[in-house]
């Protein structure tokens, strides 16, 4: 899948205070829901419970992140029988390092 512009800067558009707030709220909720993480060539695939509550949080997160991080590409896969949801977050070169710093659990061994 082709991403937007490969020369798009890999940077969050939030201020430091806004980013701290996002990390303490929405990103913290997302991290607590993640039950598995797979490293991809251009990002990560996060596995989350298929419960409707978590799907709503994922949708809210995607909407928020698209506003401040336009370089990110999101793919959402819902497994059958209310199985896990896979959220693939990818982008141009440098995206994986950005995601590891901001999105992944600090203690994750990826």
PDB file of N, CA and C in Angstrom:
ATOM      1  N   UNK A   1       0.841  -1.165   0.000  1.00  0.00           N
ATOM      2  CA  UNK A   1       0.000   0.000   0.000  1.00  0.00           C
ATOM      3  C   UNK A   1       0.890   1.232   0.000  1.00  0.00           C
ATOM      4  N   UNK A   2       0.625   2.124  -0.901  1.00  0.00           N
ATOM      5  CA  UNK A   2       1.427   3.341  -1.002  1.00  0.00           C
ATOM      6  C   UNK A   2       0.951   4.352   0.029  1.00  0.00           C
ATOM      7  N   UNK A   3       1.901   4.933   0.711  1.00  0.00           N
ATOM      8  CA  UNK A   3       1.592   5.958   1.693  1.00  0.00           C
ATOM      9  C   UNK A   3       1.558   7.296   0.985  1.00  0.00           C
ATOM     10  N   UNK A   4       1.102   8.324   1.704  1.00  0.00           N
ATOM     11  CA  UNK A   4       1.071   9.667   1.147  1.00  0.00           C
ATOM     12  C   UNK A   4       2.428  10.061   0.611  1.00  0.00           C
ATOM     13  N   UNK A   5       2.927  11.155   1.000  1.00  0.00           N
ATOM     14  CA  UNK A   5       4.216  11.635   0.535  1.00  0.00           C
ATOM     15  C   UNK A   5       5.334  11.044   1.384  1.00  0.00           C
ATOM     16  N   UNK A   6       6.333  10.477   0.711  1.00  0.00           N
ATOM     17  CA  UNK A   6       7.466   9.915   1.441  1.00  0.00           C
ATOM     18  C   UNK A   6       8.334  10.992   2.072  1.00  0.00           C
ATOM     19  N   UNK A   7       8.151  12.253   1.655  1.00  0.00           N
ATOM     20  CA  UNK A   7       8.943  13.320   2.242  1.00  0.00           C
ATOM     21  C   UNK A   7       8.172  14.069   3.339  1.00  0.00           C
ATOM     22  N   UNK A   8       7.007  13.514   3.727  1.00  0.00           N
ATOM     23  CA  UNK A   8       6.225  14.112   4.797  1.00  0.00           C
ATOM     24  C   UNK A   8       6.996  13.962   6.112  1.00  0.00           C
ATOM     25  N   UNK A   9       7.089  15.019   6.909  1.00  0.00           N
ATOM     26  CA  UNK A   9       7.843  14.912   8.158  1.00  0.00           C
ATOM     27  C   UNK A   9       7.190  13.934   9.137  1.00  0.00           C
ATOM     28  N   UNK A  10       8.036  13.166   9.823  1.00  0.00           N
ATOM     29  CA  UNK A  10       7.582  12.226  10.840  1.00  0.00           C
ATOM     30  C   UNK A  10       7.605  12.984  12.160  1.00  0.00           C
ATOM     31  N   UNK A  11       6.535  13.689  12.433  1.00  0.00           N
ATOM     32  CA  UNK A  11       6.457  14.506  13.636  1.00  0.00           C
ATOM     33  C   UNK A  11       5.008  14.693  14.043  1.00  0.00           C
ATOM     34  N   UNK A  12       4.803  14.741  15.335  1.00  0.00           N
ATOM     35  CA  UNK A  12       3.473  14.969  15.885  1.00  0.00           C
ATOM     36  C   UNK A  12       3.203  16.469  15.879  1.00  0.00           C
ATOM     37  N   UNK A  13       1.997  16.848  15.503  1.00  0.00           N
ATOM     38  CA  UNK A  13       1.629  18.255  15.447  1.00  0.00           C
ATOM     39  C   UNK A  13       1.132  18.817  16.769  1.00  0.00           C
ATOM     40  N   UNK A  14       1.108  18.001  17.824  1.00  0.00           N
ATOM     41  CA  UNK A  14       0.647  18.475  19.127  1.00  0.00           C
ATOM     42  C   UNK A  14       1.752  19.248  19.840  1.00  0.00           C
ATOM     43  N   UNK A  15       1.352  20.161  20.694  1.00  0.00           N
ATOM     44  CA  UNK A  15       2.323  20.819  21.560  1.00  0.00           C
ATOM     45  C   UNK A  15       2.788  19.792  22.596  1.00  0.00           C
ATOM     46  N   UNK A  16       3.834  20.111  23.326  1.00  0.00           N
ATOM     47  CA  UNK A  16       4.328  19.197  24.363  1.00  0.00           C
ATOM     48  C   UNK A  16       3.242  18.905  25.398  1.00  0.00           C
ATOM     49  N   UNK A  17       2.507  19.927  25.803  1.00  0.00           N
ATOM     50  CA  UNK A  17       1.440  19.750  26.797  1.00  0.00           C
ATOM     51  C   UNK A  17       0.317  18.881  26.225  1.00  0.00           C
ATOM     52  N   UNK A  18      -0.059  19.122  24.971  1.00  0.00           N
ATOM     53  CA  UNK A  18      -1.111  18.317  24.339  1.00  0.00           C
ATOM     54  C   UNK A  18      -0.677  16.867  24.195  1.00  0.00           C
ATOM     55  N   UNK A  19       0.594  16.645  23.844  1.00  0.00           N
ATOM     56  CA  UNK A  19       1.098  15.284  23.711  1.00  0.00           C
ATOM     57  C   UNK A  19       1.102  14.575  25.064  1.00  0.00           C
ATOM     58  N   UNK A  20       1.519  15.253  26.110  1.00  0.00           N
ATOM     59  CA  UNK A  20       1.487  14.646  27.458  1.00  0.00           C
ATOM     60  C   UNK A  20       0.059  14.269  27.836  1.00  0.00           C
ATOM     61  N   UNK A  21      -0.892  15.135  27.527  1.00  0.00           N
ATOM     62  CA  UNK A  21      -2.308  14.852  27.808  1.00  0.00           C
ATOM     63  C   UNK A  21      -2.785  13.642  27.001  1.00  0.00           C
ATOM     64  N   UNK A  22      -2.431  13.584  25.726  1.00  0.00           N
ATOM     65  CA  UNK A  22      -2.817  12.455  24.866  1.00  0.00           C
ATOM     66  C   UNK A  22      -2.217  11.160  25.387  1.00  0.00           C
ATOM     67  N   UNK A  23      -0.935  11.206  25.779  1.00  0.00           N
ATOM     68  CA  UNK A  23      -0.272  10.006  26.297  1.00  0.00           C
ATOM     69  C   UNK A  23      -0.905   9.542  27.606  1.00  0.00           C
ATOM     70  N   UNK A  24      -1.357  10.493  28.435  1.00  0.00           N
ATOM     71  CA  UNK A  24      -1.946  10.146  29.725  1.00  0.00           C
ATOM     72  C   UNK A  24      -3.385   9.651  29.594  1.00  0.00           C
ATOM     73  N   UNK A  25      -4.033   9.933  28.480  1.00  0.00           N
ATOM     74  CA  UNK A  25      -5.445   9.561  28.339  1.00  0.00           C
ATOM     75  C   UNK A  25      -5.624   8.524  27.235  1.00  0.00           C
ATOM     76  N   UNK A  26      -5.827   8.976  26.031  1.00  0.00           N
ATOM     77  CA  UNK A  26      -6.181   8.092  24.922  1.00  0.00           C
ATOM     78  C   UNK A  26      -5.107   7.058  24.609  1.00  0.00           C
ATOM     79  N   UNK A  27      -3.856   7.473  24.531  1.00  0.00           N
ATOM     80  CA  UNK A  27      -2.793   6.505  24.248  1.00  0.00           C
ATOM     81  C   UNK A  27      -2.606   5.528  25.400  1.00  0.00           C
ATOM     82  N   UNK A  28      -2.802   5.979  26.635  1.00  0.00           N
ATOM     83  CA  UNK A  28      -2.712   5.079  27.785  1.00  0.00           C
ATOM     84  C   UNK A  28      -3.825   4.038  27.734  1.00  0.00           C
ATOM     85  N   UNK A  29      -5.030   4.458  27.362  1.00  0.00           N
ATOM     86  CA  UNK A  29      -6.142   3.503  27.216  1.00  0.00           C
ATOM     87  C   UNK A  29      -5.809   2.477  26.143  1.00  0.00           C
ATOM     88  N   UNK A  30      -5.301   2.957  25.015  1.00  0.00           N
ATOM     89  CA  UNK A  30      -4.948   2.054  23.914  1.00  0.00           C
ATOM     90  C   UNK A  30      -3.877   1.063  24.361  1.00  0.00           C
ATOM     91  N   UNK A  31      -2.798   1.561  24.966  1.00  0.00           N
ATOM     92  CA  UNK A  31      -1.711   0.688  25.416  1.00  0.00           C
ATOM     93  C   UNK A  31      -2.222  -0.384  26.381  1.00  0.00           C
ATOM     94  N   UNK A  32      -3.157  -0.014  27.251  1.00  0.00           N
ATOM     95  CA  UNK A  32      -3.675  -0.989  28.224  1.00  0.00           C
ATOM     96  C   UNK A  32      -4.518  -2.061  27.543  1.00  0.00           C
ATOM     97  N   UNK A  33      -5.043  -1.767  26.366  1.00  0.00           N
ATOM     98  CA  UNK A  33      -5.876  -2.723  25.640  1.00  0.00           C
ATOM     99  C   UNK A  33      -5.063  -3.680  24.783  1.00  0.00           C
ATOM    100  N   UNK A  34      -3.823  -3.318  24.458  1.00  0.00           N
ATOM    101  CA  UNK A  34      -3.001  -4.118  23.553  1.00  0.00           C
ATOM    102  C   UNK A  34      -2.629  -5.448  24.216  1.00  0.00           C
ATOM    103  N   UNK A  35      -2.942  -6.552  23.509  1.00  0.00           N
ATOM    104  CA  UNK A  35      -2.617  -7.887  24.024  1.00  0.00           C
ATOM    105  C   UNK A  35      -1.497  -8.542  23.217  1.00  0.00           C
ATOM    106  N   UNK A  36      -1.048  -7.865  22.182  1.00  0.00           N
ATOM    107  CA  UNK A  36       0.066  -8.359  21.380  1.00  0.00           C
ATOM    108  C   UNK A  36       0.511  -7.309  20.390  1.00  0.00           C
ATOM    109  N   UNK A  37       1.798  -7.307  20.084  1.00  0.00           N
ATOM    110  CA  UNK A  37       2.369  -6.343  19.146  1.00  0.00           C
ATOM    111  C   UNK A  37       3.280  -7.083  18.185  1.00  0.00           C
ATOM    112  N   UNK A  38       3.134  -6.779  16.907  1.00  0.00           N
ATOM    113  CA  UNK A  38       3.991  -7.373  15.882  1.00  0.00           C
ATOM    114  C   UNK A  38       4.715  -6.250  15.148  1.00  0.00           C
ATOM    115  N   UNK A  39       6.012  -6.372  15.067  1.00  0.00           N
ATOM    116  CA  UNK A  39       6.811  -5.385  14.347  1.00  0.00           C
ATOM    117  C   UNK A  39       6.657  -5.630  12.856  1.00  0.00           C
ATOM    118  N   UNK A  40       6.419  -4.573  12.112  1.00  0.00           N
ATOM    119  CA  UNK A  40       6.317  -4.627  10.656  1.00  0.00           C
ATOM    120  C   UNK A  40       7.484  -3.853  10.060  1.00  0.00           C
ATOM    121  N   UNK A  41       7.688  -3.966   8.784  1.00  0.00           N
ATOM    122  CA  UNK A  41       8.772  -3.241   8.135  1.00  0.00           C
ATOM    123  C   UNK A  41       8.622  -1.740   8.227  1.00  0.00           C
ATOM    124  N   UNK A  42       7.375  -1.267   8.228  1.00  0.00           N
ATOM    125  CA  UNK A  42       7.123   0.173   8.206  1.00  0.00           C
ATOM    126  C   UNK A  42       6.228   0.641   9.357  1.00  0.00           C
ATOM    127  N   UNK A  43       6.157  -0.159  10.436  1.00  0.00           N
ATOM    128  CA  UNK A  43       5.333   0.225  11.577  1.00  0.00           C
ATOM    129  C   UNK A  43       5.088  -0.950  12.505  1.00  0.00           C
ATOM    130  N   UNK A  44       3.882  -1.008  13.069  1.00  0.00           N
ATOM    131  CA  UNK A  44       3.520  -2.075  14.008  1.00  0.00           C
ATOM    132  C   UNK A  44       2.081  -2.511  13.778  1.00  0.00           C
ATOM    133  N   UNK A  45       1.796  -3.758  14.135  1.00  0.00           N
ATOM    134  CA  UNK A  45       0.432  -4.268  14.188  1.00  0.00           C
ATOM    135  C   UNK A  45       0.141  -4.535  15.659  1.00  0.00           C
ATOM    136  N   UNK A  46      -0.907  -3.921  16.164  1.00  0.00           N
ATOM    137  CA  UNK A  46      -1.300  -4.065  17.559  1.00  0.00           C
ATOM    138  C   UNK A  46      -2.553  -4.932  17.618  1.00  0.00           C
ATOM    139  N   UNK A  47      -2.538  -5.945  18.471  1.00  0.00           N
ATOM    140  CA  UNK A  47      -3.702  -6.820  18.641  1.00  0.00           C
ATOM    141  C   UNK A  47      -4.423  -6.395  19.907  1.00  0.00           C
ATOM    142  N   UNK A  48      -5.745  -6.183  19.776  1.00  0.00           N
ATOM    143  CA  UNK A  48      -6.579  -5.687  20.859  1.00  0.00           C
ATOM    144  C   UNK A  48      -7.814  -6.578  20.954  1.00  0.00           C
ATOM    145  N   UNK A  49      -8.383  -6.704  22.140  1.00  0.00           N
ATOM    146  CA  UNK A  49      -9.612  -7.463  22.322  1.00  0.00           C
ATOM    147  C   UNK A  49     -10.691  -6.956  21.373  1.00  0.00           C
ATOM    148  N   UNK A  50     -11.524  -7.868  20.880  1.00  0.00           N
ATOM    149  CA  UNK A  50     -12.585  -7.504  19.942  1.00  0.00           C
ATOM    150  C   UNK A  50     -13.825  -6.940  20.594  1.00  0.00           C
ATOM    151  N   UNK A  51     -13.778  -6.695  21.886  1.00  0.00           N
ATOM    152  CA  UNK A  51     -14.904  -6.117  22.620  1.00  0.00           C
ATOM    153  C   UNK A  51     -15.267  -4.754  22.028  1.00  0.00           C
ATOM    154  N   UNK A  52     -16.552  -4.458  21.929  1.00  0.00           N
ATOM    155  CA  UNK A  52     -17.017  -3.207  21.337  1.00  0.00           C
ATOM    156  C   UNK A  52     -16.480  -1.963  22.012  1.00  0.00           C
ATOM    157  N   UNK A  53     -16.257  -2.028  23.311  1.00  0.00           N
ATOM    158  CA  UNK A  53     -15.708  -0.879  24.035  1.00  0.00           C
ATOM    159  C   UNK A  53     -14.331  -0.524  23.499  1.00  0.00           C
ATOM    160  N   UNK A  54     -13.499  -1.535  23.272  1.00  0.00           N
ATOM    161  CA  UNK A  54     -12.144  -1.271  22.773  1.00  0.00           C
ATOM    162  C   UNK A  54     -12.171  -0.795  21.335  1.00  0.00           C
ATOM    163  N   UNK A  55     -13.096  -1.316  20.541  1.00  0.00           N
ATOM    164  CA  UNK A  55     -13.201  -0.855  19.149  1.00  0.00           C
ATOM    165  C   UNK A  55     -13.551   0.633  19.122  1.00  0.00           C
ATOM    166  N   UNK A  56     -14.429   1.064  20.005  1.00  0.00           N
ATOM    167  CA  UNK A  56     -14.791   2.484  20.070  1.00  0.00           C
ATOM    168  C   UNK A  56     -13.587   3.336  20.460  1.00  0.00           C
ATOM    169  N   UNK A  57     -12.770   2.859  21.396  1.00  0.00           N
ATOM    170  CA  UNK A  57     -11.564   3.598  21.803  1.00  0.00           C
ATOM    171  C   UNK A  57     -10.572   3.663  20.643  1.00  0.00           C
ATOM    172  N   UNK A  58     -10.427   2.549  19.918  1.00  0.00           N
ATOM    173  CA  UNK A  58      -9.529   2.533  18.757  1.00  0.00           C
ATOM    174  C   UNK A  58      -9.990   3.553  17.718  1.00  0.00           C
ATOM    175  N   UNK A  59     -11.291   3.586  17.449  1.00  0.00           N
ATOM    176  CA  UNK A  59     -11.818   4.539  16.464  1.00  0.00           C
ATOM    177  C   UNK A  59     -11.555   5.975  16.904  1.00  0.00           C
ATOM    178  N   UNK A  60     -11.777   6.257  18.181  1.00  0.00           N
ATOM    179  CA  UNK A  60     -11.522   7.604  18.704  1.00  0.00           C
ATOM    180  C   UNK A  60     -10.044   7.965  18.569  1.00  0.00           C
ATOM    181  N   UNK A  61      -9.179   6.994  18.852  1.00  0.00           N
ATOM    182  CA  UNK A  61      -7.746   7.223  18.750  1.00  0.00           C
ATOM    183  C   UNK A  61      -7.336   7.509  17.303  1.00  0.00           C
ATOM    184  N   UNK A  62      -7.867   6.726  16.368  1.00  0.00           N
ATOM    185  CA  UNK A  62      -7.523   6.927  14.960  1.00  0.00           C
ATOM    186  C   UNK A  62      -7.941   8.320  14.503  1.00  0.00           C
ATOM    187  N   UNK A  63      -9.147   8.738  14.866  1.00  0.00           N
ATOM    188  CA  UNK A  63      -9.616  10.079  14.491  1.00  0.00           C
ATOM    189  C   UNK A  63      -8.673  11.144  15.052  1.00  0.00           C
ATOM    190  N   UNK A  64      -8.314  11.029  16.329  1.00  0.00           N
ATOM    191  CA  UNK A  64      -7.435  12.017  16.957  1.00  0.00           C
ATOM    192  C   UNK A  64      -6.047  12.019  16.339  1.00  0.00           C
ATOM    193  N   UNK A  65      -5.489  10.834  16.112  1.00  0.00           N
ATOM    194  CA  UNK A  65      -4.127  10.738  15.590  1.00  0.00           C
ATOM    195  C   UNK A  65      -4.014  11.201  14.140  1.00  0.00           C
ATOM    196  N   UNK A  66      -5.064  11.025  13.371  1.00  0.00           N
ATOM    197  CA  UNK A  66      -5.026  11.490  11.974  1.00  0.00           C
ATOM    198  C   UNK A  66      -4.912  13.003  11.898  1.00  0.00           C
ATOM    199  N   UNK A  67      -5.395  13.704  12.929  1.00  0.00           N
ATOM    200  CA  UNK A  67      -5.322  15.162  12.935  1.00  0.00           C
ATOM    201  C   UNK A  67      -3.920  15.674  13.242  1.00  0.00           C
ATOM    202  N   UNK A  68      -3.194  14.984  14.121  1.00  0.00           N
ATOM    203  CA  UNK A  68      -1.885  15.501  14.536  1.00  0.00           C
ATOM    204  C   UNK A  68      -0.707  14.783  13.880  1.00  0.00           C
ATOM    205  N   UNK A  69      -0.954  13.606  13.326  1.00  0.00           N
ATOM    206  CA  UNK A  69       0.116  12.814  12.700  1.00  0.00           C
ATOM    207  C   UNK A  69      -0.330  12.369  11.308  1.00  0.00           C
ATOM    208  N   UNK A  70      -0.388  13.294  10.346  1.00  0.00           N
ATOM    209  CA  UNK A  70      -0.935  12.982   9.032  1.00  0.00           C
ATOM    210  C   UNK A  70      -0.125  11.971   8.228  1.00  0.00           C
ATOM    211  N   UNK A  71       1.070  11.638   8.670  1.00  0.00           N
ATOM    212  CA  UNK A  71       1.912  10.676   7.968  1.00  0.00           C
ATOM    213  C   UNK A  71       1.520   9.227   8.267  1.00  0.00           C
ATOM    214  N   UNK A  72       0.695   9.001   9.299  1.00  0.00           N
ATOM    215  CA  UNK A  72       0.324   7.639   9.683  1.00  0.00           C
ATOM    216  C   UNK A  72      -0.780   7.067   8.802  1.00  0.00           C
ATOM    217  N   UNK A  73      -0.662   5.773   8.513  1.00  0.00           N
ATOM    218  CA  UNK A  73      -1.702   5.024   7.813  1.00  0.00           C
ATOM    219  C   UNK A  73      -2.246   3.994   8.786  1.00  0.00           C
ATOM    220  N   UNK A  74      -3.567   3.885   8.865  1.00  0.00           N
ATOM    221  CA  UNK A  74      -4.228   2.956   9.773  1.00  0.00           C
ATOM    222  C   UNK A  74      -5.006   1.914   8.984  1.00  0.00           C
ATOM    223  N   UNK A  75      -4.893   0.663   9.408  1.00  0.00           N
ATOM    224  CA  UNK A  75      -5.701  -0.421   8.870  1.00  0.00           C
ATOM    225  C   UNK A  75      -6.289  -1.156  10.069  1.00  0.00           C
ATOM    226  N   UNK A  76      -7.563  -1.458  10.000  1.00  0.00           N
ATOM    227  CA  UNK A  76      -8.247  -2.121  11.101  1.00  0.00           C
ATOM    228  C   UNK A  76      -8.845  -3.422  10.584  1.00  0.00           C
ATOM    229  N   UNK A  77      -8.505  -4.533  11.246  1.00  0.00           N
ATOM    230  CA  UNK A  77      -9.012  -5.856  10.880  1.00  0.00           C
ATOM    231  C   UNK A  77      -9.751  -6.425  12.080  1.00  0.00           C
ATOM    232  N   UNK A  78     -11.014  -6.742  11.904  1.00  0.00           N
ATOM    233  CA  UNK A  78     -11.803  -7.354  12.975  1.00  0.00           C
ATOM    234  C   UNK A  78     -11.954  -8.837  12.661  1.00  0.00           C
ATOM    235  N   UNK A  79     -11.450  -9.681  13.561  1.00  0.00           N
ATOM    236  CA  UNK A  79     -11.520 -11.130  13.372  1.00  0.00           C
ATOM    237  C   UNK A  79     -12.958 -11.612  13.601  1.00  0.00           C
ATOM    238  N   UNK A  80     -13.340 -12.744  13.003  1.00  0.00           N
ATOM    239  CA  UNK A  80     -14.705 -13.255  13.182  1.00  0.00           C
ATOM    240  C   UNK A  80     -14.965 -13.712  14.618  1.00  0.00           C
ATOM    241  N   UNK A  81     -16.247 -13.887  14.928  1.00  0.00           N
ATOM    242  CA  UNK A  81     -16.691 -14.384  16.240  1.00  0.00           C
ATOM    243  C   UNK A  81     -16.208 -13.503  17.393  1.00  0.00           C
ATOM    244  N   UNK A  82     -16.227 -12.196  17.210  1.00  0.00           N
ATOM    245  CA  UNK A  82     -15.804 -11.224  18.215  1.00  0.00           C
ATOM    246  C   UNK A  82     -14.374 -11.501  18.674  1.00  0.00           C
ATOM    247  N   UNK A  83     -13.571 -11.974  17.720  1.00  0.00           N
ATOM    248  CA  UNK A  83     -12.160 -12.217  18.003  1.00  0.00           C
ATOM    249  C   UNK A  83     -11.399 -10.915  18.085  1.00  0.00           C
ATOM    250  N   UNK A  84     -10.086 -11.008  18.231  1.00  0.00           N
ATOM    251  CA  UNK A  84      -9.261  -9.800  18.367  1.00  0.00           C
ATOM    252  C   UNK A  84      -9.370  -8.876  17.156  1.00  0.00           C
ATOM    253  N   UNK A  85      -9.061  -7.638  17.405  1.00  0.00           N
ATOM    254  CA  UNK A  85      -8.975  -6.616  16.375  1.00  0.00           C
ATOM    255  C   UNK A  85      -7.492  -6.318  16.186  1.00  0.00           C
ATOM    256  N   UNK A  86      -7.070  -6.242  14.932  1.00  0.00           N
ATOM    257  CA  UNK A  86      -5.687  -5.902  14.617  1.00  0.00           C
ATOM    258  C   UNK A  86      -5.668  -4.481  14.065  1.00  0.00           C
ATOM    259  N   UNK A  87      -4.854  -3.633  14.664  1.00  0.00           N
ATOM    260  CA  UNK A  87      -4.680  -2.258  14.203  1.00  0.00           C
ATOM    261  C   UNK A  87      -3.275  -2.151  13.655  1.00  0.00           C
ATOM    262  N   UNK A  88      -3.171  -2.016  12.332  1.00  0.00           N
ATOM    263  CA  UNK A  88      -1.863  -1.820  11.694  1.00  0.00           C
ATOM    264  C   UNK A  88      -1.652  -0.320  11.536  1.00  0.00           C
ATOM    265  N   UNK A  89      -0.533   0.151  12.066  1.00  0.00           N
ATOM    266  CA  UNK A  89      -0.183   1.567  11.964  1.00  0.00           C
ATOM    267  C   UNK A  89       1.164   1.630  11.264  1.00  0.00           C
ATOM    268  N   UNK A  90       1.173   2.239  10.092  1.00  0.00           N
ATOM    269  CA  UNK A  90       2.380   2.273   9.266  1.00  0.00           C
ATOM    270  C   UNK A  90       2.587   3.673   8.702  1.00  0.00           C
ATOM    271  N   UNK A  91       3.714   3.840   8.029  1.00  0.00           N
ATOM    272  CA  UNK A  91       4.011   5.121   7.410  1.00  0.00           C
ATOM    273  C   UNK A  91       5.362   5.080   6.728  1.00  0.00           C
ATOM    274  N   UNK A  92       5.837   6.233   6.284  1.00  0.00           N
ATOM    275  CA  UNK A  92       7.126   6.308   5.592  1.00  0.00           C
ATOM    276  C   UNK A  92       8.294   6.033   6.543  1.00  0.00           C
ATOM    277  N   UNK A  93       9.482   6.006   5.994  1.00  0.00           N
ATOM    278  CA  UNK A  93      10.694   5.753   6.780  1.00  0.00           C
ATOM    279  C   UNK A  93      10.727   6.644   8.013  1.00  0.00           C
ATOM    280  N   UNK A  94      11.027   6.048   9.154  1.00  0.00           N
ATOM    281  CA  UNK A  94      11.081   6.770  10.420  1.00  0.00           C
ATOM    282  C   UNK A  94       9.842   6.569  11.278  1.00  0.00           C
ATOM    283  N   UNK A  95       8.779   6.061  10.670  1.00  0.00           N
ATOM    284  CA  UNK A  95       7.523   5.870  11.394  1.00  0.00           C
ATOM    285  C   UNK A  95       7.669   4.850  12.517  1.00  0.00           C
ATOM    286  N   UNK A  96       8.369   3.757  12.250  1.00  0.00           N
ATOM    287  CA  UNK A  96       8.488   2.704  13.257  1.00  0.00           C
ATOM    288  C   UNK A  96       9.157   3.239  14.523  1.00  0.00           C
ATOM    289  N   UNK A  97      10.214   4.021  14.392  1.00  0.00           N
ATOM    290  CA  UNK A  97      10.885   4.590  15.560  1.00  0.00           C
ATOM    291  C   UNK A  97       9.948   5.533  16.322  1.00  0.00           C
ATOM    292  N   UNK A  98       9.193   6.329  15.580  1.00  0.00           N
ATOM    293  CA  UNK A  98       8.218   7.232  16.201  1.00  0.00           C
ATOM    294  C   UNK A  98       7.186   6.431  16.997  1.00  0.00           C
ATOM    295  N   UNK A  99       6.638   5.385  16.389  1.00  0.00           N
ATOM    296  CA  UNK A  99       5.625   4.577  17.061  1.00  0.00           C
ATOM    297  C   UNK A  99       6.182   3.888  18.301  1.00  0.00           C
ATOM    298  N   UNK A 100       7.394   3.390  18.193  1.00  0.00           N
ATOM    299  CA  UNK A 100       7.989   2.703  19.343  1.00  0.00           C
ATOM    300  C   UNK A 100       8.124   3.655  20.523  1.00  0.00           C
ATOM    301  N   UNK A 101       8.456   4.895  20.248  1.00  0.00           N
ATOM    302  CA  UNK A 101       8.629   5.893  21.297  1.00  0.00           C
ATOM    303  C   UNK A 101       7.295   6.337  21.897  1.00  0.00           C
ATOM    304  N   UNK A 102       6.294   6.562  21.047  1.00  0.00           N
ATOM    305  CA  UNK A 102       5.050   7.174  21.504  1.00  0.00           C
ATOM    306  C   UNK A 102       3.935   6.157  21.764  1.00  0.00           C
ATOM    307  N   UNK A 103       3.809   5.123  20.929  1.00  0.00           N
ATOM    308  CA  UNK A 103       2.652   4.231  21.006  1.00  0.00           C
ATOM    309  C   UNK A 103       2.889   2.944  21.777  1.00  0.00           C
ATOM    310  N   UNK A 104       4.080   2.397  21.690  1.00  0.00           N
ATOM    311  CA  UNK A 104       4.323   1.085  22.300  1.00  0.00           C
ATOM    312  C   UNK A 104       4.452   1.211  23.815  1.00  0.00           C
ATOM    313  N   UNK A 105       4.103   0.128  24.497  1.00  0.00           N
ATOM    314  CA  UNK A 105       4.253   0.098  25.956  1.00  0.00           C
ATOM    315  C   UNK A 105       5.721   0.271  26.288  1.00  0.00           C
ATOM    316  N   UNK A 106       6.045   1.081  27.274  1.00  0.00           N
ATOM    317  CA  UNK A 106       7.451   1.324  27.616  1.00  0.00           C
ATOM    318  C   UNK A 106       8.228   0.049  27.924  1.00  0.00           C
ATOM    319  N   UNK A 107       7.569  -0.957  28.471  1.00  0.00           N
ATOM    320  CA  UNK A 107       8.261  -2.187  28.831  1.00  0.00           C
ATOM    321  C   UNK A 107       8.181  -3.249  27.738  1.00  0.00           C
ATOM    322  N   UNK A 108       7.643  -2.890  26.571  1.00  0.00           N
ATOM    323  CA  UNK A 108       7.490  -3.858  25.484  1.00  0.00           C
ATOM    324  C   UNK A 108       8.857  -4.245  24.935  1.00  0.00           C
ATOM    325  N   UNK A 109       9.067  -5.524  24.762  1.00  0.00           N
ATOM    326  CA  UNK A 109      10.331  -6.012  24.191  1.00  0.00           C
ATOM    327  C   UNK A 109      10.113  -6.306  22.730  1.00  0.00           C
ATOM    328  N   UNK A 110      10.198  -5.269  21.935  1.00  0.00           N
ATOM    329  CA  UNK A 110       9.966  -5.388  20.489  1.00  0.00           C
ATOM    330  C   UNK A 110      11.296  -5.288  19.784  1.00  0.00           C
TER     331      UNK A 110
END
